[in-house]
Amino acid sequence: MAKWGQGDPRWIVEERADGTNVNNWHWTERDATSWSKGKLKELLVGLVVEGEAGRCEISDLKHVEGEASCNSRKGKLIFFYEWNLRLSWRGTVKESGEKHKGSVEIPNLSEENEVDDTEINVSKKKGEGDVLKDLMRTEGTTKVREALRNYLKALKTEFTLGMILPTKATGGQELATERRLSGHTMQDSVSPQDTVGVKIPTVKILMREIFNSPAEELYSIFTTKELVQKFSKCPAVIEAEKGGKLQMFDGSVSGEYTELVPSQRIVLKWRCRSWPDEHYAVVALSFKGMAAQTELQLECKGVPVSSEDSTRQCWKQQYFEEIHILLQQSNDTME
């Protein structure tokens, strides 16, 4: 293989970490099936549809059958996806307060059809409440299509980050971003670029959350395998010692413990499966005891720019909200 300045440029290999596919000439393929299932659930479940007739909500993704992948060849990305989806919805009639349930069938979401042309069928269980069915057929279908568009957008941007590698001309370009965000139970902020792992544009996310738990108990939830499996609802690998491995959410999240101070601090190398290979963020969790409560301060440094929103949602929904539920269940059991 030639190096820079030698031979056919299509086969140039630089002496660098990503030099095995310089100029993106070779065929590469990445399976997006598992990532897609998580992203579809994230975008569809909890979707709210409101109108004069009442209020409906997508309550579950009951059936997900299909696959997705992304291929790279000669600097171009080629996508394949084919899904058969069935959603459950529930709703309340505004005037009567009656509650009804139904389903939404999406038999063929694929690259062969535009989202606007994709078939979406709405049904309702027997009985009255057709006004809710009509609401789901109109406003509901519109919102579902919007969620499907967001899935395809994420597939083509968030999931593919790192598949088109930087060329010699563009490899040194940098992107800096700075934003301020806030929420009612947490405050988030993003600082300028800080690169960890492969050289890609990254941001730092700061979050705070208050838990009704002593610091010692909250610390154990992050470091005890049985408790992690309870709130994540998945098998997990938790080796809570320096250099110990971490794997959660069916392998969607993995990492390594680099520092542990009981009841005070945890530092991790942490990554999502969809990120470029070998790229890790540095996550620091600080536990600040306040009587019977604990403030958890999270710093996540080195998050790929395109994964900023999904990473924040991962911590908020898959970690914080589920831990709140676990703690509440524990309190109810004790009572």
Protein backbone atom coordinates (compact mmCIF):
# COMPACT_ATOMS: atom_id res chain seq x y z
CA MET A 1 0.00 0.00 0.00
CA ALA A 2 1.34 3.44 -0.92
CA LYS A 3 1.74 6.27 1.51
CA TRP A 4 1.11 9.95 0.84
CA GLY A 5 2.88 11.09 -2.32
CA GLN A 6 3.23 7.56 -3.68
CA GLY A 7 1.07 5.65 -6.13
CA ASP A 8 -2.67 5.62 -6.80
CA PRO A 9 -4.45 8.00 -4.34
CA ARG A 10 -7.39 5.60 -4.06
CA TRP A 11 -5.20 3.22 -2.08
CA ILE A 12 -3.27 5.73 0.02
CA VAL A 13 -2.92 4.72 3.66
CA GLU A 14 -1.75 7.37 6.09
CA GLU A 15 0.07 6.59 9.31
CA ARG A 16 -2.91 7.49 11.48
CA ALA A 17 -5.66 5.69 13.40
CA ASP A 18 -8.28 5.99 10.65
CA GLY A 19 -5.82 5.52 7.79
CA THR A 20 -7.16 2.10 6.80
CA ASN A 21 -9.88 3.70 4.67
CA VAL A 22 -8.45 7.05 3.60
CA ASN A 23 -10.58 8.89 1.02
CA ASN A 24 -13.41 6.46 1.93
CA TRP A 25 -12.71 4.24 -1.09
CA HIS A 26 -13.30 0.83 0.45
CA TRP A 27 -16.70 -0.75 1.14
CA THR A 28 -17.73 -0.66 4.77
CA GLU A 29 -20.99 -1.83 6.31
CA ARG A 30 -22.60 -1.15 9.69
CA ASP A 31 -25.62 -3.00 11.07
CA ALA A 32 -28.22 -0.46 12.28
CA THR A 33 -30.90 -2.94 13.37
CA SER A 34 -30.44 -2.82 17.14
CA TRP A 35 -29.82 0.95 17.13
CA SER A 36 -32.95 1.47 14.99
CA LYS A 37 -35.17 -0.47 17.38
CA GLY A 38 -34.09 1.74 20.24
CA LYS A 39 -34.45 4.93 18.20
CA LEU A 40 -37.94 4.00 16.92
CA LYS A 41 -39.09 3.28 20.46
CA GLU A 42 -37.60 6.56 21.69
CA LEU A 43 -39.37 8.59 18.98
CA LEU A 44 -42.75 6.83 18.93
CA VAL A 45 -43.59 5.71 22.47
CA GLY A 46 -45.06 8.58 24.46
CA LEU A 47 -46.17 10.48 21.36
CA VAL A 48 -49.23 12.57 22.33
CA VAL A 49 -52.09 13.47 19.99
CA GLU A 50 -54.64 16.04 21.18
CA GLY A 51 -57.73 17.54 19.55
CA GLU A 52 -61.28 18.63 20.21
CA ALA A 53 -62.36 14.99 20.49
CA GLY A 54 -59.90 14.13 23.26
CA ARG A 55 -56.36 13.03 23.93
CA CYS A 56 -54.46 9.97 22.72
CA GLU A 57 -50.97 8.65 23.39
CA ILE A 58 -48.78 5.97 21.82
CA SER A 59 -48.31 3.68 24.80
CA ASP A 60 -46.12 0.90 23.44
CA LEU A 61 -44.17 -0.42 20.47
CA LYS A 62 -45.69 -3.90 20.48
CA HIS A 63 -44.05 -5.36 17.40
CA VAL A 64 -40.81 -4.46 15.60
CA GLU A 65 -39.78 -6.73 12.75
CA GLY A 66 -37.17 -5.92 10.16
CA GLU A 67 -33.62 -4.69 9.75
CA ALA A 68 -31.53 -1.69 8.81
CA SER A 69 -27.96 -1.11 7.71
CA CYS A 70 -25.71 1.56 6.26
CA ASN A 71 -22.99 0.96 3.69
CA SER A 72 -20.18 3.27 2.61
CA ARG A 73 -18.49 3.06 -0.79
CA LYS A 74 -16.35 5.65 -2.58
CA GLY A 75 -17.33 8.30 -0.05
CA LYS A 76 -21.08 7.72 -0.49
CA LEU A 77 -23.53 6.30 2.04
CA ILE A 78 -26.11 3.72 0.98
CA PHE A 79 -29.01 2.94 3.32
CA PHE A 80 -31.18 -0.12 3.60
CA TYR A 81 -34.11 -0.40 5.99
CA GLU A 82 -37.31 -2.41 6.03
CA TRP A 83 -39.65 -2.39 9.05
CA ASN A 84 -43.01 -3.82 10.03
CA LEU A 85 -44.25 -1.96 13.11
CA ARG A 86 -47.27 -2.23 15.38
CA LEU A 87 -47.97 0.46 17.97
CA SER A 88 -50.50 0.50 20.79
CA TRP A 89 -52.39 3.67 21.63
CA ARG A 90 -54.78 4.67 24.39
CA GLY A 91 -57.01 7.70 24.64
CA THR A 92 -59.67 9.56 26.56
CA VAL A 93 -62.79 11.15 25.05
CA LYS A 94 -62.95 14.79 26.10
CA GLU A 95 -66.70 15.08 26.74
CA SER A 96 -67.49 11.75 28.36
CA GLY A 97 -64.13 10.82 29.87
CA GLU A 98 -64.41 7.36 28.32
CA LYS A 99 -61.13 5.55 27.77
CA HIS A 100 -60.36 3.51 24.67
CA LYS A 101 -57.44 1.58 23.19
CA GLY A 102 -56.29 0.73 19.70
CA SER A 103 -53.31 0.06 17.48
CA VAL A 104 -51.37 1.58 14.61
CA GLU A 105 -49.95 -0.72 11.94
CA ILE A 106 -47.04 0.32 9.68
CA PRO A 107 -46.54 -2.73 7.44
CA ASN A 108 -43.74 -1.50 5.20
CA LEU A 109 -41.44 1.34 6.18
CA SER A 110 -38.60 1.01 3.68
CA GLU A 111 -36.26 2.95 1.43
CA GLU A 112 -38.48 1.99 -1.51
CA ASN A 113 -41.20 4.43 -0.39
CA GLU A 114 -41.28 8.02 0.80
CA VAL A 115 -42.56 8.47 4.36
CA ASP A 116 -45.59 10.36 3.03
CA ASP A 117 -46.46 7.32 0.91
CA THR A 118 -45.90 4.75 3.66
CA GLU A 119 -49.06 2.91 4.65
CA ILE A 120 -50.30 3.63 8.19
CA ASN A 121 -53.44 1.83 9.44
CA VAL A 122 -55.28 2.87 12.59
CA SER A 123 -57.70 0.56 14.40
CA LYS A 124 -59.61 0.61 17.69
CA LYS A 125 -60.96 -2.09 19.94
CA LYS A 126 -64.69 -2.75 19.68
CA GLY A 127 -67.16 -0.34 21.24
CA GLU A 128 -67.78 3.36 21.06
CA GLY A 129 -65.09 6.01 20.85
CA ASP A 130 -64.73 6.32 17.09
CA VAL A 131 -63.97 10.02 17.59
CA LEU A 132 -60.60 8.93 18.99
CA LYS A 133 -60.02 6.62 16.06
CA ASP A 134 -60.69 9.54 13.72
CA LEU A 135 -58.29 11.69 15.72
CA MET A 136 -55.56 9.07 15.38
CA ARG A 137 -56.26 8.67 11.65
CA THR A 138 -55.77 12.40 11.07
CA GLU A 139 -53.58 14.14 13.63
CA GLY A 140 -52.11 10.87 14.89
CA THR A 141 -50.97 9.75 11.45
CA THR A 142 -49.35 13.14 10.86
CA LYS A 143 -47.38 12.89 14.10
CA VAL A 144 -46.34 9.30 13.44
CA ARG A 145 -45.04 10.26 10.00
CA GLU A 146 -43.06 13.10 11.57
CA ALA A 147 -41.49 10.65 14.05
CA LEU A 148 -40.58 8.30 11.18
CA ARG A 149 -38.91 11.18 9.34
CA ASN A 150 -36.91 11.95 12.47
CA TYR A 151 -35.83 8.30 12.66
CA LEU A 152 -34.56 8.40 9.07
CA LYS A 153 -32.82 11.72 9.71
CA ALA A 154 -31.07 10.24 12.76
CA LEU A 155 -30.16 7.10 10.80
CA LYS A 156 -28.46 9.24 8.15
CA THR A 157 -26.68 11.59 10.57
CA GLU A 158 -26.39 10.32 14.16
CA PHE A 159 -25.86 6.64 13.36
CA THR A 160 -23.44 7.23 10.47
CA LEU A 161 -21.07 9.50 12.38
CA GLY A 162 -17.55 8.30 11.65
CA MET A 163 -18.40 6.17 8.60
CA ILE A 164 -17.17 8.84 6.20
CA LEU A 165 -13.66 9.39 7.49
CA PRO A 166 -11.84 12.73 7.20
CA THR A 167 -9.53 13.13 4.19
CA LYS A 168 -6.09 14.69 4.40
CA ALA A 169 -7.49 18.05 3.28
CA THR A 170 -10.31 18.17 5.83
CA GLY A 171 -8.95 16.13 8.73
CA GLY A 172 -7.69 19.18 10.62
CA GLN A 173 -10.90 21.18 10.44
CA GLU A 174 -12.60 21.73 13.77
CA LEU A 175 -16.10 22.56 14.84
CA ALA A 176 -16.87 24.33 18.09
CA THR A 177 -20.31 24.70 19.56
CA GLU A 178 -21.64 26.42 22.64
CA ARG A 179 -25.21 26.30 23.89
CA ARG A 180 -27.16 26.88 27.10
CA LEU A 181 -30.18 24.77 28.00
CA SER A 182 -32.28 24.29 31.12
CA GLY A 183 -35.06 22.05 32.43
CA HIS A 184 -37.36 21.93 35.45
CA THR A 185 -35.53 19.12 37.24
CA MET A 186 -32.11 19.58 35.76
CA GLN A 187 -29.87 22.14 34.17
CA ASP A 188 -27.93 21.26 31.05
CA SER A 189 -25.17 23.17 29.39
CA VAL A 190 -22.78 22.48 26.56
CA SER A 191 -19.25 23.80 26.47
CA PRO A 192 -16.91 24.27 23.49
CA GLN A 193 -15.37 21.30 21.75
CA ASP A 194 -13.32 18.85 23.73
CA THR A 195 -12.12 15.85 21.75
CA VAL A 196 -11.74 12.41 23.33
CA GLY A 197 -10.74 9.33 21.29
CA VAL A 198 -10.85 9.74 17.51
CA LYS A 199 -10.75 13.33 16.23
CA ILE A 200 -14.37 14.35 15.78
CA PRO A 201 -16.30 17.47 16.89
CA THR A 202 -17.54 16.95 20.44
CA VAL A 203 -19.38 18.79 23.19
CA LYS A 204 -19.64 18.58 26.97
CA ILE A 205 -23.01 18.03 28.66
CA LEU A 206 -23.71 19.04 32.26
CA MET A 207 -26.82 17.78 34.06
CA ARG A 208 -28.19 17.87 37.61
CA GLU A 209 -30.94 15.73 39.13
CA ILE A 210 -32.37 15.48 42.66
CA PHE A 211 -33.17 11.99 43.98
CA ASN A 212 -35.14 11.10 47.12
CA SER A 213 -32.36 8.88 48.38
CA PRO A 214 -29.25 9.10 50.56
CA ALA A 215 -26.00 9.38 48.61
CA GLU A 216 -24.87 5.92 49.72
CA GLU A 217 -28.00 4.27 48.31
CA LEU A 218 -27.85 6.20 45.03
CA TYR A 219 -24.17 5.34 44.60
CA SER A 220 -24.98 1.65 45.04
CA ILE A 221 -27.63 1.83 42.30
CA PHE A 222 -24.88 2.77 39.82
CA THR A 223 -22.37 0.19 41.05
CA THR A 224 -24.40 -2.90 41.99
CA LYS A 225 -25.19 -5.30 39.15
CA GLU A 226 -28.58 -6.39 40.50
CA LEU A 227 -29.76 -2.79 40.97
CA VAL A 228 -28.48 -1.69 37.56
CA GLN A 229 -30.38 -4.58 35.97
CA LYS A 230 -33.52 -3.55 37.84
CA PHE A 231 -33.64 0.04 36.59
CA SER A 232 -32.27 -0.73 33.10
CA LYS A 233 -34.52 -3.80 32.71
CA CYS A 234 -31.70 -5.59 30.85
CA PRO A 235 -28.81 -7.92 31.74
CA ALA A 236 -25.71 -5.88 32.58
CA VAL A 237 -21.98 -6.24 33.16
CA ILE A 238 -20.98 -4.14 36.19
CA GLU A 239 -17.41 -4.51 37.49
CA ALA A 240 -17.34 -1.58 39.92
CA GLU A 241 -13.60 -1.25 40.42
CA LYS A 242 -10.87 0.74 38.72
CA GLY A 243 -10.40 -0.75 35.25
CA GLY A 244 -13.63 -2.75 35.57
CA LYS A 245 -15.96 -3.10 32.59
CA LEU A 246 -19.48 -1.77 32.18
CA GLN A 247 -22.12 -2.86 29.66
CA MET A 248 -25.82 -1.93 29.70
CA PHE A 249 -28.99 -1.82 27.59
CA ASP A 250 -28.19 -4.92 25.51
CA GLY A 251 -24.74 -3.57 24.72
CA SER A 252 -25.96 -0.18 23.51
CA VAL A 253 -23.85 1.43 26.25
CA SER A 254 -20.43 0.23 27.34
CA GLY A 255 -17.37 1.53 29.12
CA GLU A 256 -14.88 1.21 31.93
CA TYR A 257 -14.67 2.46 35.51
CA THR A 258 -11.64 4.73 36.01
CA GLU A 259 -12.34 6.19 39.46
CA LEU A 260 -14.66 5.25 42.34
CA VAL A 261 -15.03 7.10 45.64
CA PRO A 262 -17.87 5.40 47.60
CA SER A 263 -20.95 7.61 48.03
CA GLN A 264 -19.10 10.56 46.45
CA ARG A 265 -17.87 10.12 42.89
CA ILE A 266 -17.76 7.77 39.88
CA VAL A 267 -15.72 8.41 36.72
CA LEU A 268 -16.20 6.31 33.57
CA LYS A 269 -15.01 5.91 30.03
CA TRP A 270 -18.47 5.71 28.41
CA ARG A 271 -19.75 5.24 24.86
CA CYS A 272 -22.85 4.48 22.83
CA ARG A 273 -22.64 1.66 20.29
CA SER A 274 -23.56 4.00 17.40
CA TRP A 275 -20.51 6.23 18.02
CA PRO A 276 -17.34 5.83 15.94
CA ASP A 277 -15.28 2.81 16.96
CA GLU A 278 -13.03 3.38 19.98
CA HIS A 279 -14.50 6.81 20.72
CA TYR A 280 -15.38 7.32 24.39
CA ALA A 281 -16.75 10.18 26.43
CA VAL A 282 -15.54 10.78 29.98
CA VAL A 283 -18.47 10.68 32.43
CA ALA A 284 -18.11 11.99 35.98
CA LEU A 285 -20.94 11.43 38.48
CA SER A 286 -20.74 13.44 41.72
CA PHE A 287 -23.08 12.66 44.64
CA LYS A 288 -23.97 15.61 46.90
CA GLY A 289 -25.92 14.52 49.99
CA MET A 290 -28.71 16.82 51.21
CA ALA A 291 -30.48 15.33 54.25
CA ALA A 292 -32.68 12.50 52.84
CA GLN A 293 -32.00 13.60 49.26
CA THR A 294 -29.02 13.55 46.93
CA GLU A 295 -28.12 15.89 44.12
CA LEU A 296 -26.45 14.01 41.30
CA GLN A 297 -24.15 16.15 39.15
CA LEU A 298 -23.25 14.65 35.78
CA GLU A 299 -20.48 15.82 33.47
CA CYS A 300 -20.27 14.02 30.13
CA LYS A 301 -17.24 15.26 28.19
CA GLY A 302 -16.45 14.23 24.61
CA VAL A 303 -19.96 13.55 23.23
CA PRO A 304 -20.11 13.60 19.41
CA VAL A 305 -21.90 16.79 18.31
CA SER A 306 -24.50 14.87 16.32
CA SER A 307 -25.28 12.66 19.35
CA GLU A 308 -25.75 15.49 21.83
CA ASP A 309 -29.55 15.31 22.04
CA SER A 310 -29.77 11.51 22.07
CA THR A 311 -27.09 11.29 24.77
CA ARG A 312 -28.93 13.76 26.97
CA GLN A 313 -32.17 11.83 26.47
CA CYS A 314 -30.38 8.57 27.29
CA TRP A 315 -29.31 9.90 30.68
CA LYS A 316 -32.62 11.58 31.37
CA GLN A 317 -34.99 8.78 30.30
CA GLN A 318 -33.01 5.54 30.60
CA TYR A 319 -31.06 6.44 33.72
CA PHE A 320 -32.67 9.22 35.79
CA GLU A 321 -36.36 8.53 35.18
CA GLU A 322 -35.95 4.78 35.66
CA ILE A 323 -33.95 5.27 38.87
CA HIS A 324 -36.73 7.52 40.21
CA ILE A 325 -39.20 4.69 39.52
CA LEU A 326 -36.94 2.13 41.22
CA LEU A 327 -36.59 4.30 44.31
CA GLN A 328 -40.35 4.87 44.48
CA GLN A 329 -41.01 1.14 44.21
CA SER A 330 -38.51 0.54 47.00
CA ASN A 331 -40.25 3.11 49.22
CA ASP A 332 -43.68 1.61 48.48
CA THR A 333 -42.41 -1.85 49.43
CA MET A 334 -41.05 -0.58 52.73
CA GLU A 335 -44.34 1.11 53.58
